[in-house]
Amino acid sequence: AINTPSYGVKIGDHFWIGNGVNILKDVTIEHDCV
């Protein structure tokens, strides 16, 4: 497979996510983001 996930999803502190957002595999987002 060429799309095997590695770890999942990691989201940092103080985060604001708007309407209708999709977050897919192997995403890391650091703190204080929108």
Full PDB file with SEQRES, HELIX, SHEET, SSBOND, CRYST1, ORIGX, SCALE, CONECT and MASTER records, all heavy atoms in Angstrom:
SEQRES   1 A   34  ALA ILE ASN THR PRO SER TYR GLY VAL LYS ILE GLY ASP          
SEQRES   2 A   34  HIS PHE TRP ILE GLY ASN GLY VAL ASN ILE LEU LYS ASP          
SEQRES   3 A   34  VAL THR ILE GLU HIS ASP CYS VAL                              
SHEET    1 AA1 2 VAL A   9  ILE A  11  0                                        
SHEET    2 AA1 2 VAL A  27  ILE A  29  1                                        
CRYST1    1.000    1.000    1.000  90.00  90.00  90.00 P 1           1          
ORIGX1      1.000000  0.000000  0.000000        0.00000                         
ORIGX2      0.000000  1.000000  0.000000        0.00000                         
ORIGX3      0.000000  0.000000  1.000000        0.00000                         
SCALE1      1.000000  0.000000  0.000000        0.00000                         
SCALE2      0.000000  1.000000  0.000000        0.00000                         
SCALE3      0.000000  0.000000  1.000000        0.00000                         
ATOM      1  N   ALA A   1       0.836  -1.203   0.000  1.00  0.00           N  
ATOM      2  CA  ALA A   1       0.000   0.000   0.000  1.00  0.00           C  
ATOM      3  C   ALA A   1       0.870   1.251   0.000  1.00  0.00           C  
ATOM      4  O   ALA A   1       1.923   1.289   0.641  1.00  0.00           O  
ATOM      5  CB  ALA A   1      -0.907   0.006   1.221  1.00  0.00           C  
ATOM      6  N   ILE A   2       0.433   2.275  -0.697  1.00  0.00           N  
ATOM      7  CA  ILE A   2       1.171   3.539  -0.719  1.00  0.00           C  
ATOM      8  C   ILE A   2       0.511   4.598   0.163  1.00  0.00           C  
ATOM      9  O   ILE A   2       1.002   5.721   0.252  1.00  0.00           O  
ATOM     10  CB  ILE A   2       1.333   4.079  -2.157  1.00  0.00           C  
ATOM     11  CG1 ILE A   2      -0.042   4.370  -2.788  1.00  0.00           C  
ATOM     12  CG2 ILE A   2       2.141   3.112  -3.004  1.00  0.00           C  
ATOM     13  CD1 ILE A   2       0.059   5.043  -4.157  1.00  0.00           C  
ATOM     14  N   ASN A   3      -0.575   4.240   0.834  1.00  0.00           N  
ATOM     15  CA  ASN A   3      -1.271   5.217   1.678  1.00  0.00           C  
ATOM     16  C   ASN A   3      -1.435   4.711   3.114  1.00  0.00           C  
ATOM     17  O   ASN A   3      -2.399   5.048   3.798  1.00  0.00           O  
ATOM     18  CB  ASN A   3      -2.628   5.574   1.078  1.00  0.00           C  
ATOM     19  CG  ASN A   3      -3.577   4.383   0.992  1.00  0.00           C  
ATOM     20  OD1 ASN A   3      -3.137   3.242   0.813  1.00  0.00           O  
ATOM     21  ND2 ASN A   3      -4.861   4.642   1.101  1.00  0.00           N  
ATOM     22  N   THR A   4      -0.467   3.914   3.584  1.00  0.00           N  
ATOM     23  CA  THR A   4      -0.513   3.413   4.955  1.00  0.00           C  
ATOM     24  C   THR A   4      -0.306   4.554   5.945  1.00  0.00           C  
ATOM     25  O   THR A   4       0.665   5.303   5.841  1.00  0.00           O  
ATOM     26  CB  THR A   4       0.590   2.364   5.176  1.00  0.00           C  
ATOM     27  OG1 THR A   4       0.415   1.298   4.237  1.00  0.00           O  
ATOM     28  CG2 THR A   4       0.549   1.812   6.597  1.00  0.00           C  
ATOM     29  N   PRO A   5      -1.206   4.737   6.913  1.00  0.00           N  
ATOM     30  CA  PRO A   5      -1.018   5.813   7.900  1.00  0.00           C  
ATOM     31  C   PRO A   5       0.127   5.509   8.848  1.00  0.00           C  
ATOM     32  O   PRO A   5       0.404   4.340   9.161  1.00  0.00           O  
ATOM     33  CB  PRO A   5      -2.361   5.850   8.638  1.00  0.00           C  
ATOM     34  CG  PRO A   5      -2.922   4.479   8.474  1.00  0.00           C  
ATOM     35  CD  PRO A   5      -2.445   3.981   7.132  1.00  0.00           C  
ATOM     36  N   SER A   6       0.772   6.573   9.342  1.00  0.00           N  
ATOM     37  CA  SER A   6       1.924   6.415  10.228  1.00  0.00           C  
ATOM     38  C   SER A   6       1.560   6.540  11.698  1.00  0.00           C  
ATOM     39  O   SER A   6       2.024   5.769  12.534  1.00  0.00           O  
ATOM     40  CB  SER A   6       3.002   7.454   9.882  1.00  0.00           C  
ATOM     41  OG  SER A   6       3.467   7.262   8.570  1.00  0.00           O  
ATOM     42  N   TYR A   7       0.756   7.544  12.050  1.00  0.00           N  
ATOM     43  CA  TYR A   7       0.504   7.772  13.475  1.00  0.00           C  
ATOM     44  C   TYR A   7      -0.906   8.259  13.789  1.00  0.00           C  
ATOM     45  O   TYR A   7      -1.423   8.018  14.865  1.00  0.00           O  
ATOM     46  CB  TYR A   7       1.512   8.772  14.054  1.00  0.00           C  
ATOM     47  CG  TYR A   7       1.524  10.127  13.383  1.00  0.00           C  
ATOM     48  CD1 TYR A   7       0.690  11.155  13.821  1.00  0.00           C  
ATOM     49  CD2 TYR A   7       2.372  10.388  12.315  1.00  0.00           C  
ATOM     50  CE1 TYR A   7       0.695  12.391  13.203  1.00  0.00           C  
ATOM     51  CE2 TYR A   7       2.394  11.625  11.692  1.00  0.00           C  
ATOM     52  CZ  TYR A   7       1.552  12.622  12.143  1.00  0.00           C  
ATOM     53  OH  TYR A   7       1.557  13.844  11.519  1.00  0.00           O  
ATOM     54  N   GLY A   8      -1.551   8.985  12.916  1.00  0.00           N  
ATOM     55  CA  GLY A   8      -2.885   9.497  13.211  1.00  0.00           C  
ATOM     56  C   GLY A   8      -2.970  10.990  13.016  1.00  0.00           C  
ATOM     57  O   GLY A   8      -2.555  11.535  11.992  1.00  0.00           O  
ATOM     58  N   VAL A   9      -3.475  11.700  14.051  1.00  0.00           N  
ATOM     59  CA  VAL A   9      -3.639  13.154  13.979  1.00  0.00           C  
ATOM     60  C   VAL A   9      -3.233  13.747  15.319  1.00  0.00           C  
ATOM     61  O   VAL A   9      -3.642  13.260  16.377  1.00  0.00           O  
ATOM     62  CB  VAL A   9      -5.109  13.534  13.664  1.00  0.00           C  
ATOM     63  CG1 VAL A   9      -5.319  15.042  13.788  1.00  0.00           C  
ATOM     64  CG2 VAL A   9      -5.488  13.065  12.262  1.00  0.00           C  
ATOM     65  N   LYS A  10      -2.447  14.834  15.263  1.00  0.00           N  
ATOM     66  CA  LYS A  10      -2.023  15.534  16.475  1.00  0.00           C  
ATOM     67  C   LYS A  10      -2.249  17.023  16.303  1.00  0.00           C  
ATOM     68  O   LYS A  10      -1.734  17.644  15.371  1.00  0.00           O  
ATOM     69  CB  LYS A  10      -0.554  15.257  16.782  1.00  0.00           C  
ATOM     70  CG  LYS A  10      -0.092  15.850  18.102  1.00  0.00           C  
ATOM     71  CD  LYS A  10       1.333  15.437  18.433  1.00  0.00           C  
ATOM     72  CE  LYS A  10       1.750  16.004  19.790  1.00  0.00           C  
ATOM     73  NZ  LYS A  10       3.143  15.596  20.146  1.00  0.00           N  
ATOM     74  N   ILE A  11      -3.027  17.611  17.216  1.00  0.00           N  
ATOM     75  CA  ILE A  11      -3.376  19.029  17.171  1.00  0.00           C  
ATOM     76  C   ILE A  11      -2.901  19.683  18.456  1.00  0.00           C  
ATOM     77  O   ILE A  11      -3.141  19.176  19.556  1.00  0.00           O  
ATOM     78  CB  ILE A  11      -4.896  19.205  17.000  1.00  0.00           C  
ATOM     79  CG1 ILE A  11      -5.314  18.690  15.612  1.00  0.00           C  
ATOM     80  CG2 ILE A  11      -5.301  20.661  17.169  1.00  0.00           C  
ATOM     81  CD1 ILE A  11      -6.806  18.654  15.392  1.00  0.00           C  
ATOM     82  N   GLY A  12      -2.213  20.831  18.339  1.00  0.00           N  
ATOM     83  CA  GLY A  12      -1.612  21.496  19.485  1.00  0.00           C  
ATOM     84  C   GLY A  12      -2.601  22.305  20.319  1.00  0.00           C  
ATOM     85  O   GLY A  12      -3.819  22.276  20.092  1.00  0.00           O  
ATOM     86  N   ASP A  13      -2.071  23.069  21.273  1.00  0.00           N  
ATOM     87  CA  ASP A  13      -2.886  23.883  22.171  1.00  0.00           C  
ATOM     88  C   ASP A  13      -3.455  25.116  21.459  1.00  0.00           C  
ATOM     89  O   ASP A  13      -2.900  25.595  20.462  1.00  0.00           O  
ATOM     90  CB  ASP A  13      -2.041  24.376  23.353  1.00  0.00           C  
ATOM     91  CG  ASP A  13      -1.559  23.250  24.246  1.00  0.00           C  
ATOM     92  OD1 ASP A  13      -2.146  22.148  24.205  1.00  0.00           O  
ATOM     93  OD2 ASP A  13      -0.591  23.471  24.998  1.00  0.00           O  
ATOM     94  N   HIS A  14      -4.550  25.629  22.016  1.00  0.00           N  
ATOM     95  CA  HIS A  14      -5.158  26.900  21.605  1.00  0.00           C  
ATOM     96  C   HIS A  14      -5.403  26.918  20.099  1.00  0.00           C  
ATOM     97  O   HIS A  14      -4.735  27.605  19.324  1.00  0.00           O  
ATOM     98  CB  HIS A  14      -4.265  28.081  22.027  1.00  0.00           C  
ATOM     99  CG  HIS A  14      -4.976  29.399  21.915  1.00  0.00           C  
ATOM    100  ND1 HIS A  14      -4.454  30.446  21.191  1.00  0.00           N  
ATOM    101  CD2 HIS A  14      -6.156  29.837  22.416  1.00  0.00           C  
ATOM    102  CE1 HIS A  14      -5.284  31.485  21.266  1.00  0.00           C  
ATOM    103  NE2 HIS A  14      -6.321  31.127  21.998  1.00  0.00           N  
ATOM    104  N   PHE A  15      -6.430  26.177  19.725  1.00  0.00           N  
ATOM    105  CA  PHE A  15      -6.709  25.905  18.324  1.00  0.00           C  
ATOM    106  C   PHE A  15      -8.145  26.254  18.008  1.00  0.00           C  
ATOM    107  O   PHE A  15      -9.048  25.941  18.774  1.00  0.00           O  
ATOM    108  CB  PHE A  15      -6.492  24.402  18.089  1.00  0.00           C  
ATOM    109  CG  PHE A  15      -5.886  24.094  16.781  1.00  0.00           C  
ATOM    110  CD1 PHE A  15      -4.519  23.994  16.642  1.00  0.00           C  
ATOM    111  CD2 PHE A  15      -6.690  23.905  15.683  1.00  0.00           C  
ATOM    112  CE1 PHE A  15      -3.960  23.713  15.426  1.00  0.00           C  
ATOM    113  CE2 PHE A  15      -6.136  23.620  14.454  1.00  0.00           C  
ATOM    114  CZ  PHE A  15      -4.769  23.519  14.318  1.00  0.00           C  
ATOM    115  N   TRP A  16      -8.378  26.879  16.872  1.00  0.00           N  
ATOM    116  CA  TRP A  16      -9.736  27.230  16.444  1.00  0.00           C  
ATOM    117  C   TRP A  16      -9.960  26.632  15.063  1.00  0.00           C  
ATOM    118  O   TRP A  16      -9.235  26.932  14.113  1.00  0.00           O  
ATOM    119  CB  TRP A  16      -9.890  28.747  16.421  1.00  0.00           C  
ATOM    120  CG  TRP A  16     -11.190  29.270  15.885  1.00  0.00           C  
ATOM    121  CD1 TRP A  16     -12.362  28.580  15.724  1.00  0.00           C  
ATOM    122  CD2 TRP A  16     -11.446  30.602  15.425  1.00  0.00           C  
ATOM    123  NE1 TRP A  16     -13.335  29.401  15.205  1.00  0.00           N  
ATOM    124  CE2 TRP A  16     -12.805  30.649  15.011  1.00  0.00           C  
ATOM    125  CE3 TRP A  16     -10.667  31.750  15.341  1.00  0.00           C  
ATOM    126  CZ2 TRP A  16     -13.390  31.797  14.503  1.00  0.00           C  
ATOM    127  CZ3 TRP A  16     -11.249  32.909  14.840  1.00  0.00           C  
ATOM    128  CH2 TRP A  16     -12.588  32.919  14.429  1.00  0.00           C  
ATOM    129  N   ILE A  17     -10.994  25.789  14.955  1.00  0.00           N  
ATOM    130  CA  ILE A  17     -11.304  25.131  13.688  1.00  0.00           C  
ATOM    131  C   ILE A  17     -12.696  25.549  13.230  1.00  0.00           C  
ATOM    132  O   ILE A  17     -13.675  25.405  13.968  1.00  0.00           O  
ATOM    133  CB  ILE A  17     -11.214  23.601  13.813  1.00  0.00           C  
ATOM    134  CG1 ILE A  17      -9.787  23.196  14.199  1.00  0.00           C  
ATOM    135  CG2 ILE A  17     -11.613  22.930  12.507  1.00  0.00           C  
ATOM    136  CD1 ILE A  17      -9.579  21.700  14.276  1.00  0.00           C  
ATOM    137  N   GLY A  18     -12.790  26.059  12.009  1.00  0.00           N  
ATOM    138  CA  GLY A  18     -14.043  26.565  11.467  1.00  0.00           C  
ATOM    139  C   GLY A  18     -14.967  25.471  10.964  1.00  0.00           C  
ATOM    140  O   GLY A  18     -14.645  24.274  10.975  1.00  0.00           O  
ATOM    141  N   ASN A  19     -16.118  25.890  10.485  1.00  0.00           N  
ATOM    142  CA  ASN A  19     -17.176  24.981  10.037  1.00  0.00           C  
ATOM    143  C   ASN A  19     -16.735  24.129   8.845  1.00  0.00           C  
ATOM    144  O   ASN A  19     -16.082  24.599   7.916  1.00  0.00           O  
ATOM    145  CB  ASN A  19     -18.399  25.810   9.638  1.00  0.00           C  
ATOM    146  CG  ASN A  19     -19.499  24.962   9.057  1.00  0.00           C  
ATOM    147  OD1 ASN A  19     -20.103  24.161   9.743  1.00  0.00           O  
ATOM    148  ND2 ASN A  19     -19.746  25.126   7.766  1.00  0.00           N  
ATOM    149  N   GLY A  20     -17.116  22.843   8.889  1.00  0.00           N  
ATOM    150  CA  GLY A  20     -16.962  21.972   7.732  1.00  0.00           C  
ATOM    151  C   GLY A  20     -15.552  21.552   7.399  1.00  0.00           C  
ATOM    152  O   GLY A  20     -15.288  21.125   6.269  1.00  0.00           O  
ATOM    153  N   VAL A  21     -14.653  21.612   8.357  1.00  0.00           N  
ATOM    154  CA  VAL A  21     -13.250  21.237   8.115  1.00  0.00           C  
ATOM    155  C   VAL A  21     -13.101  19.720   8.160  1.00  0.00           C  
ATOM    156  O   VAL A  21     -13.694  19.039   9.005  1.00  0.00           O  
ATOM    157  CB  VAL A  21     -12.328  21.907   9.145  1.00  0.00           C  
ATOM    158  CG1 VAL A  21     -10.917  21.314   9.094  1.00  0.00           C  
ATOM    159  CG2 VAL A  21     -12.285  23.417   8.916  1.00  0.00           C  
ATOM    160  N   ASN A  22     -12.273  19.197   7.252  1.00  0.00           N  
ATOM    161  CA  ASN A  22     -11.888  17.790   7.265  1.00  0.00           C  
ATOM    162  C   ASN A  22     -10.387  17.679   7.480  1.00  0.00           C  
ATOM    163  O   ASN A  22      -9.601  18.319   6.767  1.00  0.00           O  
ATOM    164  CB  ASN A  22     -12.258  17.113   5.946  1.00  0.00           C  
ATOM    165  CG  ASN A  22     -13.718  16.730   5.878  1.00  0.00           C  
ATOM    166  OD1 ASN A  22     -14.120  15.670   6.345  1.00  0.00           O  
ATOM    167  ND2 ASN A  22     -14.529  17.609   5.305  1.00  0.00           N  
ATOM    168  N   ILE A  23      -9.993  16.883   8.474  1.00  0.00           N  
ATOM    169  CA  ILE A  23      -8.586  16.650   8.773  1.00  0.00           C  
ATOM    170  C   ILE A  23      -8.295  15.180   8.524  1.00  0.00           C  
ATOM    171  O   ILE A  23      -8.939  14.302   9.113  1.00  0.00           O  
ATOM    172  CB  ILE A  23      -8.254  17.037  10.226  1.00  0.00           C  
ATOM    173  CG1 ILE A  23      -8.545  18.525  10.449  1.00  0.00           C  
ATOM    174  CG2 ILE A  23      -6.793  16.724  10.549  1.00  0.00           C  
ATOM    175  CD1 ILE A  23      -8.365  18.972  11.886  1.00  0.00           C  
ATOM    176  N   LEU A  24      -7.338  14.907   7.651  1.00  0.00           N  
ATOM    177  CA  LEU A  24      -7.039  13.539   7.251  1.00  0.00           C  
ATOM    178  C   LEU A  24      -5.814  12.996   7.985  1.00  0.00           C  
ATOM    179  O   LEU A  24      -5.233  13.655   8.835  1.00  0.00           O  
ATOM    180  CB  LEU A  24      -6.850  13.478   5.732  1.00  0.00           C  
ATOM    181  CG  LEU A  24      -8.022  14.021   4.898  1.00  0.00           C  
ATOM    182  CD1 LEU A  24      -7.762  13.795   3.419  1.00  0.00           C  
ATOM    183  CD2 LEU A  24      -9.344  13.390   5.306  1.00  0.00           C  
ATOM    184  N   LYS A  25      -5.448  11.793   7.647  1.00  0.00           N  
ATOM    185  CA  LYS A  25      -4.414  11.045   8.364  1.00  0.00           C  
ATOM    186  C   LYS A  25      -3.063  11.751   8.352  1.00  0.00           C  
ATOM    187  O   LYS A  25      -2.727  12.505   7.440  1.00  0.00           O  
ATOM    188  CB  LYS A  25      -4.259   9.647   7.770  1.00  0.00           C  
ATOM    189  CG  LYS A  25      -3.625   9.615   6.377  1.00  0.00           C  
ATOM    190  CD  LYS A  25      -3.453   8.196   5.882  1.00  0.00           C  
ATOM    191  CE  LYS A  25      -2.578   8.117   4.644  1.00  0.00           C  
ATOM    192  NZ  LYS A  25      -3.030   8.887   3.511  1.00  0.00           N  
ATOM    193  N   ASP A  26      -2.279  11.472   9.410  1.00  0.00           N  
ATOM    194  CA  ASP A  26      -0.886  11.916   9.526  1.00  0.00           C  
ATOM    195  C   ASP A  26      -0.739  13.429   9.416  1.00  0.00           C  
ATOM    196  O   ASP A  26       0.157  13.945   8.743  1.00  0.00           O  
ATOM    197  CB  ASP A  26      -0.008  11.215   8.479  1.00  0.00           C  
ATOM    198  CG  ASP A  26       0.071   9.713   8.732  1.00  0.00           C  
ATOM    199  OD1 ASP A  26      -0.227   9.291   9.859  1.00  0.00           O  
ATOM    200  OD2 ASP A  26       0.436   8.966   7.801  1.00  0.00           O  
ATOM    201  N   VAL A  27      -1.615  14.123  10.106  1.00  0.00           N  
ATOM    202  CA  VAL A  27      -1.542  15.580  10.207  1.00  0.00           C  
ATOM    203  C   VAL A  27      -1.058  15.957  11.600  1.00  0.00           C  
ATOM    204  O   VAL A  27      -1.578  15.451  12.598  1.00  0.00           O  
ATOM    205  CB  VAL A  27      -2.918  16.226   9.937  1.00  0.00           C  
ATOM    206  CG1 VAL A  27      -2.935  17.690  10.376  1.00  0.00           C  
ATOM    207  CG2 VAL A  27      -3.276  16.116   8.460  1.00  0.00           C  
ATOM    208  N   THR A  28      -0.066  16.832  11.657  1.00  0.00           N  
ATOM    209  CA  THR A  28       0.372  17.446  12.913  1.00  0.00           C  
ATOM    210  C   THR A  28       0.261  18.954  12.745  1.00  0.00           C  
ATOM    211  O   THR A  28       0.829  19.516  11.799  1.00  0.00           O  
ATOM    212  CB  THR A  28       1.823  17.076  13.254  1.00  0.00           C  
ATOM    213  OG1 THR A  28       1.914  15.669  13.494  1.00  0.00           O  
ATOM    214  CG2 THR A  28       2.293  17.817  14.505  1.00  0.00           C  
ATOM    215  N   ILE A  29      -0.484  19.594  13.640  1.00  0.00           N  
ATOM    216  CA  ILE A  29      -0.624  21.046  13.597  1.00  0.00           C  
ATOM    217  C   ILE A  29      -0.207  21.597  14.949  1.00  0.00           C  
ATOM    218  O   ILE A  29      -0.741  21.178  15.982  1.00  0.00           O  
ATOM    219  CB  ILE A  29      -2.058  21.479  13.255  1.00  0.00           C  
ATOM    220  CG1 ILE A  29      -2.558  20.731  12.008  1.00  0.00           C  
ATOM    221  CG2 ILE A  29      -2.110  22.986  13.011  1.00  0.00           C  
ATOM    222  CD1 ILE A  29      -3.995  21.029  11.647  1.00  0.00           C  
ATOM    223  N   GLU A  30       0.730  22.518  14.950  1.00  0.00           N  
ATOM    224  CA  GLU A  30       1.258  23.060  16.192  1.00  0.00           C  
ATOM    225  C   GLU A  30       0.287  24.079  16.798  1.00  0.00           C  
ATOM    226  O   GLU A  30      -0.792  24.327  16.266  1.00  0.00           O  
ATOM    227  CB  GLU A  30       2.640  23.641  15.944  1.00  0.00           C  
ATOM    228  CG  GLU A  30       3.649  22.569  15.482  1.00  0.00           C  
ATOM    229  CD  GLU A  30       5.026  23.121  15.215  1.00  0.00           C  
ATOM    230  OE1 GLU A  30       5.257  24.335  15.380  1.00  0.00           O  
ATOM    231  OE2 GLU A  30       5.906  22.318  14.822  1.00  0.00           O  
ATOM    232  N   HIS A  31       0.679  24.672  17.900  1.00  0.00           N  
ATOM    233  CA  HIS A  31      -0.208  25.502  18.720  1.00  0.00           C  
ATOM    234  C   HIS A  31      -0.582  26.836  18.073  1.00  0.00           C  
ATOM    235  O   HIS A  31       0.075  27.316  17.150  1.00  0.00           O  
ATOM    236  CB  HIS A  31       0.459  25.767  20.071  1.00  0.00           C  
ATOM    237  CG  HIS A  31       1.789  26.452  19.963  1.00  0.00           C  
ATOM    238  ND1 HIS A  31       1.928  27.816  19.878  1.00  0.00           N  
ATOM    239  CD2 HIS A  31       3.044  25.947  19.910  1.00  0.00           C  
ATOM    240  CE1 HIS A  31       3.209  28.136  19.787  1.00  0.00           C  
ATOM    241  NE2 HIS A  31       3.912  27.012  19.800  1.00  0.00           N  
ATOM    242  N   ASP A  32      -1.679  27.434  18.578  1.00  0.00           N  
ATOM    243  CA  ASP A  32      -2.105  28.795  18.228  1.00  0.00           C  
ATOM    244  C   ASP A  32      -2.383  28.961  16.735  1.00  0.00           C  
ATOM    245  O   ASP A  32      -1.919  29.905  16.103  1.00  0.00           O  
ATOM    246  CB  ASP A  32      -1.062  29.817  18.685  1.00  0.00           C  
ATOM    247  CG  ASP A  32      -0.877  29.811  20.195  1.00  0.00           C  
ATOM    248  OD1 ASP A  32      -1.858  30.026  20.912  1.00  0.00           O  
ATOM    249  OD2 ASP A  32       0.260  29.572  20.653  1.00  0.00           O  
ATOM    250  N   CYS A  33      -3.173  28.040  16.198  1.00  0.00           N  
ATOM    251  CA  CYS A  33      -3.513  28.102  14.775  1.00  0.00           C  
ATOM    252  C   CYS A  33      -5.025  28.226  14.580  1.00  0.00           C  
ATOM    253  O   CYS A  33      -5.817  27.953  15.483  1.00  0.00           O  
ATOM    254  CB  CYS A  33      -3.021  26.851  14.055  1.00  0.00           C  
ATOM    255  SG  CYS A  33      -1.229  26.812  13.792  1.00  0.00           S  
ATOM    256  N   VAL A  34      -5.396  28.649  13.373  1.00  0.00           N  
ATOM    257  CA  VAL A  34      -6.792  28.719  12.942  1.00  0.00           C  
ATOM    258  C   VAL A  34      -6.903  27.948  11.633  1.00  0.00           C  
ATOM    259  O   VAL A  34      -6.072  28.121  10.730  1.00  0.00           O  
ATOM    260  CB  VAL A  34      -7.230  30.184  12.719  1.00  0.00           C  
ATOM    261  CG1 VAL A  34      -8.643  30.237  12.164  1.00  0.00           C  
ATOM    262  CG2 VAL A  34      -7.115  30.987  14.007  1.00  0.00           C  
TER     263      VAL A  34                                                      
MASTER        0    0    0    0    2    0    0    6  262    1    0    3          
END                                                                             
